[in-house]
Amino acid sequence: MPRVNFVSAGGDVSSVDSADGVSLMRAAVTNGVRGIVGECGGNMMCATCHVYVEPEFAAVAGLASEDEAEMLEDAVCPPDERSRLSCQIMLGPEHEGLTVVLPEAQV
């Protein structure tokens, strides 16, 4: 059960525990983390769960697929090399302490 951290654009940190096999987006929405919308329910169709993975967690979060990178182009806040859709990161023990920064806006 990894504990993950969401840092708002203003610097506030929300830490949540999540079961293994749950997406980062679902962990955020289930725990009421402000700043993750997830309009499409995790189907990689909306880019409203965009996050910036902190550099020290890049390897554990992995790279965005081509389809994910294409969807990120439609994100409200500009994507960069740290960008991922949180619906595409499935949590496991290796994600303990994962920290992501939320964009200023999702919609």
PDB file of N, CA and C in Angstrom:
ATOM      1  N   MET A   1       0.852  -1.176   0.000  1.00  0.00           N
ATOM      2  CA  MET A   1       0.000   0.000   0.000  1.00  0.00           C
ATOM      3  C   MET A   1       0.898   1.239   0.000  1.00  0.00           C
ATOM      4  N   PRO A   2       1.151   1.790  -1.184  1.00  0.00           N
ATOM      5  CA  PRO A   2       2.037   2.957  -1.239  1.00  0.00           C
ATOM      6  C   PRO A   2       1.364   4.236  -0.743  1.00  0.00           C
ATOM      7  N   ARG A   3       2.181   5.084  -0.154  1.00  0.00           N
ATOM      8  CA  ARG A   3       1.758   6.432   0.230  1.00  0.00           C
ATOM      9  C   ARG A   3       2.337   7.351  -0.832  1.00  0.00           C
ATOM     10  N   VAL A   4       1.460   8.152  -1.471  1.00  0.00           N
ATOM     11  CA  VAL A   4       1.887   9.059  -2.536  1.00  0.00           C
ATOM     12  C   VAL A   4       1.544  10.493  -2.150  1.00  0.00           C
ATOM     13  N   ASN A   5       2.282  11.429  -2.735  1.00  0.00           N
ATOM     14  CA  ASN A   5       2.155  12.841  -2.374  1.00  0.00           C
ATOM     15  C   ASN A   5       1.779  13.682  -3.588  1.00  0.00           C
ATOM     16  N   PHE A   6       0.788  14.520  -3.417  1.00  0.00           N
ATOM     17  CA  PHE A   6       0.341  15.453  -4.445  1.00  0.00           C
ATOM     18  C   PHE A   6       0.641  16.860  -3.946  1.00  0.00           C
ATOM     19  N   VAL A   7       1.415  17.603  -4.710  1.00  0.00           N
ATOM     20  CA  VAL A   7       1.776  18.967  -4.341  1.00  0.00           C
ATOM     21  C   VAL A   7       0.978  19.918  -5.220  1.00  0.00           C
ATOM     22  N   SER A   8       0.157  20.758  -4.605  1.00  0.00           N
ATOM     23  CA  SER A   8      -0.641  21.710  -5.378  1.00  0.00           C
ATOM     24  C   SER A   8       0.271  22.753  -6.010  1.00  0.00           C
ATOM     25  N   ALA A   9      -0.254  23.483  -6.983  1.00  0.00           N
ATOM     26  CA  ALA A   9       0.506  24.559  -7.622  1.00  0.00           C
ATOM     27  C   ALA A   9       0.928  25.597  -6.588  1.00  0.00           C
ATOM     28  N   GLY A  10       0.176  25.712  -5.500  1.00  0.00           N
ATOM     29  CA  GLY A  10       0.499  26.651  -4.426  1.00  0.00           C
ATOM     30  C   GLY A  10       1.447  26.098  -3.378  1.00  0.00           C
ATOM     31  N   GLY A  11       1.806  24.813  -3.493  1.00  0.00           N
ATOM     32  CA  GLY A  11       2.770  24.213  -2.579  1.00  0.00           C
ATOM     33  C   GLY A  11       2.193  23.373  -1.455  1.00  0.00           C
ATOM     34  N   ASP A  12       0.857  23.288  -1.359  1.00  0.00           N
ATOM     35  CA  ASP A  12       0.251  22.446  -0.318  1.00  0.00           C
ATOM     36  C   ASP A  12       0.403  20.978  -0.695  1.00  0.00           C
ATOM     37  N   VAL A  13       0.681  20.133   0.288  1.00  0.00           N
ATOM     38  CA  VAL A  13       0.900  18.709   0.038  1.00  0.00           C
ATOM     39  C   VAL A  13      -0.255  17.892   0.602  1.00  0.00           C
ATOM     40  N   SER A  14      -0.787  17.008  -0.235  1.00  0.00           N
ATOM     41  CA  SER A  14      -1.789  16.032   0.198  1.00  0.00           C
ATOM     42  C   SER A  14      -1.151  14.662   0.036  1.00  0.00           C
ATOM     43  N   SER A  15      -1.048  13.923   1.131  1.00  0.00           N
ATOM     44  CA  SER A  15      -0.487  12.573   1.091  1.00  0.00           C
ATOM     45  C   SER A  15      -1.621  11.580   1.271  1.00  0.00           C
ATOM     46  N   VAL A  16      -1.649  10.554   0.421  1.00  0.00           N
ATOM     47  CA  VAL A  16      -2.708   9.553   0.500  1.00  0.00           C
ATOM     48  C   VAL A  16      -2.109   8.153   0.407  1.00  0.00           C
ATOM     49  N   ASP A  17      -2.768   7.217   1.063  1.00  0.00           N
ATOM     50  CA  ASP A  17      -2.414   5.805   0.960  1.00  0.00           C
ATOM     51  C   ASP A  17      -3.334   5.185  -0.074  1.00  0.00           C
ATOM     52  N   SER A  18      -2.780   4.271  -0.871  1.00  0.00           N
ATOM     53  CA  SER A  18      -3.579   3.643  -1.903  1.00  0.00           C
ATOM     54  C   SER A  18      -3.259   2.160  -1.988  1.00  0.00           C
ATOM     55  N   ALA A  19      -4.245   1.384  -2.346  1.00  0.00           N
ATOM     56  CA  ALA A  19      -4.027  -0.041  -2.574  1.00  0.00           C
ATOM     57  C   ALA A  19      -3.202  -0.238  -3.836  1.00  0.00           C
ATOM     58  N   ASP A  20      -2.463  -1.320  -3.885  1.00  0.00           N
ATOM     59  CA  ASP A  20      -1.723  -1.670  -5.098  1.00  0.00           C
ATOM     60  C   ASP A  20      -2.709  -1.911  -6.239  1.00  0.00           C
ATOM     61  N   GLY A  21      -2.297  -1.566  -7.461  1.00  0.00           N
ATOM     62  CA  GLY A  21      -3.117  -1.801  -8.635  1.00  0.00           C
ATOM     63  C   GLY A  21      -4.114  -0.704  -8.945  1.00  0.00           C
ATOM     64  N   VAL A  22      -4.150   0.330  -8.131  1.00  0.00           N
ATOM     65  CA  VAL A  22      -5.053   1.467  -8.340  1.00  0.00           C
ATOM     66  C   VAL A  22      -4.269   2.549  -9.072  1.00  0.00           C
ATOM     67  N   SER A  23      -4.921   3.249  -9.987  1.00  0.00           N
ATOM     68  CA  SER A  23      -4.227   4.325 -10.694  1.00  0.00           C
ATOM     69  C   SER A  23      -4.001   5.506  -9.756  1.00  0.00           C
ATOM     70  N   LEU A  24      -2.970   6.268 -10.052  1.00  0.00           N
ATOM     71  CA  LEU A  24      -2.679   7.478  -9.289  1.00  0.00           C
ATOM     72  C   LEU A  24      -3.874   8.427  -9.336  1.00  0.00           C
ATOM     73  N   MET A  25      -4.527   8.518 -10.481  1.00  0.00           N
ATOM     74  CA  MET A  25      -5.714   9.371 -10.617  1.00  0.00           C
ATOM     75  C   MET A  25      -6.831   8.901  -9.688  1.00  0.00           C
ATOM     76  N   ARG A  26      -7.098   7.601  -9.660  1.00  0.00           N
ATOM     77  CA  ARG A  26      -8.168   7.060  -8.818  1.00  0.00           C
ATOM     78  C   ARG A  26      -7.836   7.291  -7.341  1.00  0.00           C
ATOM     79  N   ALA A  27      -6.568   7.128  -6.964  1.00  0.00           N
ATOM     80  CA  ALA A  27      -6.157   7.380  -5.578  1.00  0.00           C
ATOM     81  C   ALA A  27      -6.445   8.827  -5.199  1.00  0.00           C
ATOM     82  N   ALA A  28      -6.167   9.752  -6.119  1.00  0.00           N
ATOM     83  CA  ALA A  28      -6.410  11.173  -5.849  1.00  0.00           C
ATOM     84  C   ALA A  28      -7.895  11.464  -5.727  1.00  0.00           C
ATOM     85  N   VAL A  29      -8.682  11.006  -6.684  1.00  0.00           N
ATOM     86  CA  VAL A  29     -10.118  11.290  -6.692  1.00  0.00           C
ATOM     87  C   VAL A  29     -10.803  10.660  -5.479  1.00  0.00           C
ATOM     88  N   THR A  30     -10.462   9.422  -5.174  1.00  0.00           N
ATOM     89  CA  THR A  30     -11.058   8.723  -4.031  1.00  0.00           C
ATOM     90  C   THR A  30     -10.768   9.437  -2.721  1.00  0.00           C
ATOM     91  N   ASN A  31      -9.607  10.054  -2.635  1.00  0.00           N
ATOM     92  CA  ASN A  31      -9.204  10.719  -1.398  1.00  0.00           C
ATOM     93  C   ASN A  31      -9.441  12.226  -1.412  1.00  0.00           C
ATOM     94  N   GLY A  32     -10.167  12.722  -2.406  1.00  0.00           N
ATOM     95  CA  GLY A  32     -10.556  14.126  -2.440  1.00  0.00           C
ATOM     96  C   GLY A  32      -9.428  15.107  -2.690  1.00  0.00           C
ATOM     97  N   VAL A  33      -8.392  14.673  -3.404  1.00  0.00           N
ATOM     98  CA  VAL A  33      -7.285  15.576  -3.715  1.00  0.00           C
ATOM     99  C   VAL A  33      -7.771  16.609  -4.728  1.00  0.00           C
ATOM    100  N   ARG A  34      -7.692  17.866  -4.356  1.00  0.00           N
ATOM    101  CA  ARG A  34      -8.085  18.943  -5.273  1.00  0.00           C
ATOM    102  C   ARG A  34      -7.023  19.093  -6.348  1.00  0.00           C
ATOM    103  N   GLY A  35      -7.482  19.271  -7.587  1.00  0.00           N
ATOM    104  CA  GLY A  35      -6.553  19.491  -8.684  1.00  0.00           C
ATOM    105  C   GLY A  35      -6.453  18.322  -9.643  1.00  0.00           C
ATOM    106  N   ILE A  36      -7.065  17.200  -9.297  1.00  0.00           N
ATOM    107  CA  ILE A  36      -7.166  16.063 -10.214  1.00  0.00           C
ATOM    108  C   ILE A  36      -8.651  15.907 -10.520  1.00  0.00           C
ATOM    109  N   VAL A  37      -9.013  16.094 -11.792  1.00  0.00           N
ATOM    110  CA  VAL A  37     -10.423  16.038 -12.179  1.00  0.00           C
ATOM    111  C   VAL A  37     -10.799  14.637 -12.653  1.00  0.00           C
ATOM    112  N   GLY A  38     -10.089  14.119 -13.625  1.00  0.00           N
ATOM    113  CA  GLY A  38     -10.373  12.780 -14.136  1.00  0.00           C
ATOM    114  C   GLY A  38     -11.735  12.673 -14.796  1.00  0.00           C
ATOM    115  N   GLU A  39     -12.070  13.640 -15.639  1.00  0.00           N
ATOM    116  CA  GLU A  39     -13.393  13.672 -16.293  1.00  0.00           C
ATOM    117  C   GLU A  39     -13.753  12.380 -17.018  1.00  0.00           C
ATOM    118  N   CYS A  40     -12.771  11.726 -17.646  1.00  0.00           N
ATOM    119  CA  CYS A  40     -13.075  10.540 -18.450  1.00  0.00           C
ATOM    120  C   CYS A  40     -13.037   9.256 -17.629  1.00  0.00           C
ATOM    121  N   GLY A  41     -12.782   9.371 -16.336  1.00  0.00           N
ATOM    122  CA  GLY A  41     -12.781   8.202 -15.472  1.00  0.00           C
ATOM    123  C   GLY A  41     -11.552   7.324 -15.613  1.00  0.00           C
ATOM    124  N   GLY A  42     -10.514   7.832 -16.234  1.00  0.00           N
ATOM    125  CA  GLY A  42      -9.286   7.066 -16.360  1.00  0.00           C
ATOM    126  C   GLY A  42      -9.119   6.349 -17.676  1.00  0.00           C
ATOM    127  N   ASN A  43      -9.818   6.800 -18.696  1.00  0.00           N
ATOM    128  CA  ASN A  43      -9.762   6.159 -20.007  1.00  0.00           C
ATOM    129  C   ASN A  43      -8.823   6.843 -20.990  1.00  0.00           C
ATOM    130  N   MET A  44      -7.964   7.734 -20.499  1.00  0.00           N
ATOM    131  CA  MET A  44      -6.985   8.455 -21.315  1.00  0.00           C
ATOM    132  C   MET A  44      -7.660   9.189 -22.481  1.00  0.00           C
ATOM    133  N   MET A  45      -8.730   9.923 -22.146  1.00  0.00           N
ATOM    134  CA  MET A  45      -9.468  10.631 -23.174  1.00  0.00           C
ATOM    135  C   MET A  45      -9.678  12.113 -22.868  1.00  0.00           C
ATOM    136  N   CYS A  46      -9.066  12.639 -21.770  1.00  0.00           N
ATOM    137  CA  CYS A  46      -9.394  14.020 -21.440  1.00  0.00           C
ATOM    138  C   CYS A  46      -8.222  14.878 -20.954  1.00  0.00           C
ATOM    139  N   ALA A  47      -7.171  14.310 -20.445  1.00  0.00           N
ATOM    140  CA  ALA A  47      -6.001  15.047 -19.922  1.00  0.00           C
ATOM    141  C   ALA A  47      -6.322  15.915 -18.704  1.00  0.00           C
ATOM    142  N   THR A  48      -7.403  15.590 -17.972  1.00  0.00           N
ATOM    143  CA  THR A  48      -7.724  16.365 -16.769  1.00  0.00           C
ATOM    144  C   THR A  48      -7.144  15.733 -15.503  1.00  0.00           C
ATOM    145  N   CYS A  49      -6.193  14.826 -15.693  1.00  0.00           N
ATOM    146  CA  CYS A  49      -5.483  14.236 -14.547  1.00  0.00           C
ATOM    147  C   CYS A  49      -3.978  14.408 -14.736  1.00  0.00           C
ATOM    148  N   HIS A  50      -3.617  15.427 -15.491  1.00  0.00           N
ATOM    149  CA  HIS A  50      -2.222  15.756 -15.791  1.00  0.00           C
ATOM    150  C   HIS A  50      -1.461  16.036 -14.496  1.00  0.00           C
ATOM    151  N   VAL A  51      -0.267  15.455 -14.379  1.00  0.00           N
ATOM    152  CA  VAL A  51       0.619  15.730 -13.249  1.00  0.00           C
ATOM    153  C   VAL A  51       2.048  15.877 -13.763  1.00  0.00           C
ATOM    154  N   TYR A  52       2.871  16.531 -12.953  1.00  0.00           N
ATOM    155  CA  TYR A  52       4.304  16.635 -13.221  1.00  0.00           C
ATOM    156  C   TYR A  52       5.005  15.762 -12.184  1.00  0.00           C
ATOM    157  N   VAL A  53       5.652  14.692 -12.652  1.00  0.00           N
ATOM    158  CA  VAL A  53       6.346  13.777 -11.756  1.00  0.00           C
ATOM    159  C   VAL A  53       7.662  14.417 -11.326  1.00  0.00           C
ATOM    160  N   GLU A  54       7.910  14.445 -10.015  1.00  0.00           N
ATOM    161  CA  GLU A  54       9.174  14.978  -9.522  1.00  0.00           C
ATOM    162  C   GLU A  54      10.322  14.146 -10.097  1.00  0.00           C
ATOM    163  N   PRO A  55      11.421  14.797 -10.497  1.00  0.00           N
ATOM    164  CA  PRO A  55      12.512  14.117 -11.202  1.00  0.00           C
ATOM    165  C   PRO A  55      13.040  12.857 -10.521  1.00  0.00           C
ATOM    166  N   GLU A  56      13.113  12.843  -9.202  1.00  0.00           N
ATOM    167  CA  GLU A  56      13.650  11.673  -8.514  1.00  0.00           C
ATOM    168  C   GLU A  56      12.745  10.446  -8.609  1.00  0.00           C
ATOM    169  N   PHE A  57      11.514  10.636  -9.100  1.00  0.00           N
ATOM    170  CA  PHE A  57      10.576   9.529  -9.260  1.00  0.00           C
ATOM    171  C   PHE A  57      10.308   9.189 -10.723  1.00  0.00           C
ATOM    172  N   ALA A  58      11.044   9.808 -11.637  1.00  0.00           N
ATOM    173  CA  ALA A  58      10.823   9.597 -13.076  1.00  0.00           C
ATOM    174  C   ALA A  58      10.952   8.127 -13.460  1.00  0.00           C
ATOM    175  N   ALA A  59      11.963   7.455 -12.966  1.00  0.00           N
ATOM    176  CA  ALA A  59      12.186   6.056 -13.343  1.00  0.00           C
ATOM    177  C   ALA A  59      11.046   5.159 -12.877  1.00  0.00           C
ATOM    178  N   VAL A  60      10.573   5.360 -11.662  1.00  0.00           N
ATOM    179  CA  VAL A  60       9.505   4.517 -11.128  1.00  0.00           C
ATOM    180  C   VAL A  60       8.160   4.832 -11.797  1.00  0.00           C
ATOM    181  N   ALA A  61       7.942   6.072 -12.205  1.00  0.00           N
ATOM    182  CA  ALA A  61       6.692   6.446 -12.874  1.00  0.00           C
ATOM    183  C   ALA A  61       6.690   5.989 -14.326  1.00  0.00           C
ATOM    184  N   GLY A  62       7.870   5.886 -14.913  1.00  0.00           N
ATOM    185  CA  GLY A  62       7.970   5.442 -16.302  1.00  0.00           C
ATOM    186  C   GLY A  62       7.686   6.554 -17.294  1.00  0.00           C
ATOM    187  N   LEU A  63       7.845   6.200 -18.546  1.00  0.00           N
ATOM    188  CA  LEU A  63       7.629   7.151 -19.631  1.00  0.00           C
ATOM    189  C   LEU A  63       6.193   7.090 -20.136  1.00  0.00           C
ATOM    190  N   ALA A  64       5.725   8.191 -20.658  1.00  0.00           N
ATOM    191  CA  ALA A  64       4.397   8.228 -21.277  1.00  0.00           C
ATOM    192  C   ALA A  64       4.431   7.447 -22.589  1.00  0.00           C
ATOM    193  N   SER A  65       3.367   6.723 -22.866  1.00  0.00           N
ATOM    194  CA  SER A  65       3.233   6.043 -24.159  1.00  0.00           C
ATOM    195  C   SER A  65       2.998   7.095 -25.241  1.00  0.00           C
ATOM    196  N   GLU A  66       3.054   6.690 -26.493  1.00  0.00           N
ATOM    197  CA  GLU A  66       2.779   7.632 -27.593  1.00  0.00           C
ATOM    198  C   GLU A  66       1.376   8.210 -27.476  1.00  0.00           C
ATOM    199  N   ASP A  67       0.408   7.356 -27.178  1.00  0.00           N
ATOM    200  CA  ASP A  67      -0.981   7.826 -27.048  1.00  0.00           C
ATOM    201  C   ASP A  67      -1.126   8.803 -25.887  1.00  0.00           C
ATOM    202  N   GLU A  68      -0.448   8.508 -24.793  1.00  0.00           N
ATOM    203  CA  GLU A  68      -0.503   9.399 -23.634  1.00  0.00           C
ATOM    204  C   GLU A  68       0.140  10.743 -23.960  1.00  0.00           C
ATOM    205  N   ALA A  69       1.298  10.712 -24.608  1.00  0.00           N
ATOM    206  CA  ALA A  69       1.989  11.951 -24.988  1.00  0.00           C
ATOM    207  C   ALA A  69       1.109  12.792 -25.912  1.00  0.00           C
ATOM    208  N   GLU A  70       0.400  12.134 -26.806  1.00  0.00           N
ATOM    209  CA  GLU A  70      -0.506  12.843 -27.707  1.00  0.00           C
ATOM    210  C   GLU A  70      -1.648  13.494 -26.924  1.00  0.00           C
ATOM    211  N   MET A  71      -2.204  12.778 -25.958  1.00  0.00           N
ATOM    212  CA  MET A  71      -3.289  13.327 -25.143  1.00  0.00           C
ATOM    213  C   MET A  71      -2.782  14.498 -24.300  1.00  0.00           C
ATOM    214  N   LEU A  72      -1.558  14.399 -23.801  1.00  0.00           N
ATOM    215  CA  LEU A  72      -0.992  15.483 -22.989  1.00  0.00           C
ATOM    216  C   LEU A  72      -0.871  16.789 -23.769  1.00  0.00           C
ATOM    217  N   GLU A  73      -0.785  16.703 -25.083  1.00  0.00           N
ATOM    218  CA  GLU A  73      -0.731  17.913 -25.904  1.00  0.00           C
ATOM    219  C   GLU A  73      -2.006  18.740 -25.756  1.00  0.00           C
ATOM    220  N   ASP A  74      -3.102  18.108 -25.318  1.00  0.00           N
ATOM    221  CA  ASP A  74      -4.377  18.802 -25.134  1.00  0.00           C
ATOM    222  C   ASP A  74      -4.586  19.290 -23.694  1.00  0.00           C
ATOM    223  N   ALA A  75      -3.596  19.076 -22.836  1.00  0.00           N
ATOM    224  CA  ALA A  75      -3.715  19.518 -21.446  1.00  0.00           C
ATOM    225  C   ALA A  75      -3.796  21.040 -21.381  1.00  0.00           C
ATOM    226  N   VAL A  76      -4.537  21.550 -20.407  1.00  0.00           N
ATOM    227  CA  VAL A  76      -4.707  22.994 -20.243  1.00  0.00           C
ATOM    228  C   VAL A  76      -3.365  23.665 -19.959  1.00  0.00           C
ATOM    229  N   CYS A  77      -2.605  23.118 -19.030  1.00  0.00           N
ATOM    230  CA  CYS A  77      -1.272  23.642 -18.724  1.00  0.00           C
ATOM    231  C   CYS A  77      -0.248  22.891 -19.573  1.00  0.00           C
ATOM    232  N   PRO A  78       0.732  23.582 -20.087  1.00  0.00           N
ATOM    233  CA  PRO A  78       1.665  22.950 -21.014  1.00  0.00           C
ATOM    234  C   PRO A  78       2.404  21.759 -20.398  1.00  0.00           C
ATOM    235  N   PRO A  79       2.465  20.664 -21.146  1.00  0.00           N
ATOM    236  CA  PRO A  79       3.234  19.516 -20.666  1.00  0.00           C
ATOM    237  C   PRO A  79       4.731  19.767 -20.837  1.00  0.00           C
ATOM    238  N   ASP A  80       5.512  19.043 -20.044  1.00  0.00           N
ATOM    239  CA  ASP A  80       6.960  19.066 -20.218  1.00  0.00           C
ATOM    240  C   ASP A  80       7.477  17.639 -20.041  1.00  0.00           C
ATOM    241  N   GLU A  81       8.781  17.478 -19.924  1.00  0.00           N
ATOM    242  CA  GLU A  81       9.360  16.131 -19.845  1.00  0.00           C
ATOM    243  C   GLU A  81       8.945  15.377 -18.582  1.00  0.00           C
ATOM    244  N   ARG A  82       8.380  16.068 -17.600  1.00  0.00           N
ATOM    245  CA  ARG A  82       7.917  15.432 -16.361  1.00  0.00           C
ATOM    246  C   ARG A  82       6.448  15.037 -16.422  1.00  0.00           C
ATOM    247  N   SER A  83       5.754  15.411 -17.469  1.00  0.00           N
ATOM    248  CA  SER A  83       4.304  15.235 -17.540  1.00  0.00           C
ATOM    249  C   SER A  83       3.884  13.784 -17.741  1.00  0.00           C
ATOM    250  N   ARG A  84       2.846  13.432 -17.007  1.00  0.00           N
ATOM    251  CA  ARG A  84       2.180  12.136 -17.165  1.00  0.00           C
ATOM    252  C   ARG A  84       0.696  12.353 -16.912  1.00  0.00           C
ATOM    253  N   LEU A  85      -0.115  11.449 -17.435  1.00  0.00           N
ATOM    254  CA  LEU A  85      -1.525  11.385 -17.060  1.00  0.00           C
ATOM    255  C   LEU A  85      -1.582  10.452 -15.862  1.00  0.00           C
ATOM    256  N   SER A  86      -2.099  10.925 -14.756  1.00  0.00           N
ATOM    257  CA  SER A  86      -2.084  10.107 -13.540  1.00  0.00           C
ATOM    258  C   SER A  86      -2.937   8.844 -13.674  1.00  0.00           C
ATOM    259  N   CYS A  87      -3.859   8.818 -14.625  1.00  0.00           N
ATOM    260  CA  CYS A  87      -4.663   7.616 -14.846  1.00  0.00           C
ATOM    261  C   CYS A  87      -3.832   6.487 -15.448  1.00  0.00           C
ATOM    262  N   GLN A  88      -2.653   6.802 -15.946  1.00  0.00           N
ATOM    263  CA  GLN A  88      -1.810   5.803 -16.598  1.00  0.00           C
ATOM    264  C   GLN A  88      -0.690   5.291 -15.698  1.00  0.00           C
ATOM    265  N   ILE A  89      -0.651   5.744 -14.468  1.00  0.00           N
ATOM    266  CA  ILE A  89       0.348   5.260 -13.508  1.00  0.00           C
ATOM    267  C   ILE A  89      -0.372   4.348 -12.524  1.00  0.00           C
ATOM    268  N   MET A  90      -0.127   3.044 -12.645  1.00  0.00           N
ATOM    269  CA  MET A  90      -0.732   2.066 -11.749  1.00  0.00           C
ATOM    270  C   MET A  90       0.188   1.871 -10.552  1.00  0.00           C
ATOM    271  N   LEU A  91      -0.349   2.101  -9.374  1.00  0.00           N
ATOM    272  CA  LEU A  91       0.460   2.107  -8.163  1.00  0.00           C
ATOM    273  C   LEU A  91       0.785   0.709  -7.654  1.00  0.00           C
ATOM    274  N   GLY A  92       1.983   0.606  -7.120  1.00  0.00           N
ATOM    275  CA  GLY A  92       2.458  -0.628  -6.499  1.00  0.00           C
ATOM    276  C   GLY A  92       3.462  -0.259  -5.429  1.00  0.00           C
ATOM    277  N   PRO A  93       4.040  -1.250  -4.764  1.00  0.00           N
ATOM    278  CA  PRO A  93       4.987  -0.985  -3.681  1.00  0.00           C
ATOM    279  C   PRO A  93       6.154  -0.090  -4.098  1.00  0.00           C
ATOM    280  N   GLU A  94       6.547  -0.195  -5.358  1.00  0.00           N
ATOM    281  CA  GLU A  94       7.672   0.607  -5.854  1.00  0.00           C
ATOM    282  C   GLU A  94       7.365   2.101  -5.915  1.00  0.00           C
ATOM    283  N   HIS A  95       6.103   2.474  -5.761  1.00  0.00           N
ATOM    284  CA  HIS A  95       5.697   3.881  -5.825  1.00  0.00           C
ATOM    285  C   HIS A  95       5.641   4.551  -4.452  1.00  0.00           C
ATOM    286  N   GLU A  96       6.082   3.862  -3.416  1.00  0.00           N
ATOM    287  CA  GLU A  96       6.102   4.447  -2.078  1.00  0.00           C
ATOM    288  C   GLU A  96       6.838   5.782  -2.112  1.00  0.00           C
ATOM    289  N   GLY A  97       6.160   6.836  -1.643  1.00  0.00           N
ATOM    290  CA  GLY A  97       6.758   8.168  -1.599  1.00  0.00           C
ATOM    291  C   GLY A  97       6.680   8.951  -2.891  1.00  0.00           C
ATOM    292  N   LEU A  98       6.096   8.361  -3.942  1.00  0.00           N
ATOM    293  CA  LEU A  98       5.966   9.064  -5.224  1.00  0.00           C
ATOM    294  C   LEU A  98       5.395  10.456  -4.983  1.00  0.00           C
ATOM    295  N   THR A  99       6.024  11.452  -5.585  1.00  0.00           N
ATOM    296  CA  THR A  99       5.570  12.830  -5.426  1.00  0.00           C
ATOM    297  C   THR A  99       5.341  13.447  -6.796  1.00  0.00           C
ATOM    298  N   VAL A 100       4.157  14.014  -6.963  1.00  0.00           N
ATOM    299  CA  VAL A 100       3.805  14.683  -8.215  1.00  0.00           C
ATOM    300  C   VAL A 100       3.313  16.099  -7.895  1.00  0.00           C
ATOM    301  N   VAL A 101       3.562  17.006  -8.830  1.00  0.00           N
ATOM    302  CA  VAL A 101       3.099  18.382  -8.705  1.00  0.00           C
ATOM    303  C   VAL A 101       1.907  18.558  -9.642  1.00  0.00           C
ATOM    304  N   LEU A 102       0.869  19.196  -9.136  1.00  0.00           N
ATOM    305  CA  LEU A 102      -0.337  19.428  -9.927  1.00  0.00           C
ATOM    306  C   LEU A 102      -0.219  20.722 -10.710  1.00  0.00           C
ATOM    307  N   PRO A 103      -0.724  20.745 -11.930  1.00  0.00           N
ATOM    308  CA  PRO A 103      -0.712  21.992 -12.689  1.00  0.00           C
ATOM    309  C   PRO A 103      -1.661  23.012 -12.065  1.00  0.00           C
ATOM    310  N   GLU A 104      -1.531  24.255 -12.497  1.00  0.00           N
ATOM    311  CA  GLU A 104      -2.392  25.316 -11.965  1.00  0.00           C
ATOM    312  C   GLU A 104      -3.852  25.084 -12.288  1.00  0.00           C
ATOM    313  N   ALA A 105      -4.127  24.446 -13.420  1.00  0.00           N
ATOM    314  CA  ALA A 105      -5.518  24.180 -13.822  1.00  0.00           C
ATOM    315  C   ALA A 105      -5.563  22.908 -14.650  1.00  0.00           C
ATOM    316  N   GLN A 106      -6.731  22.261 -14.647  1.00  0.00           N
ATOM    317  CA  GLN A 106      -6.952  21.061 -15.455  1.00  0.00           C
ATOM    318  C   GLN A 106      -8.013  21.311 -16.531  1.00  0.00           C
ATOM    319  N   VAL A 107      -8.935  22.191 -16.243  1.00  0.00           N
ATOM    320  CA  VAL A 107     -10.017  22.476 -17.199  1.00  0.00           C
ATOM    321  C   VAL A 107     -10.165  23.980 -17.389  1.00  0.00           C
TER     322      VAL A 107
END
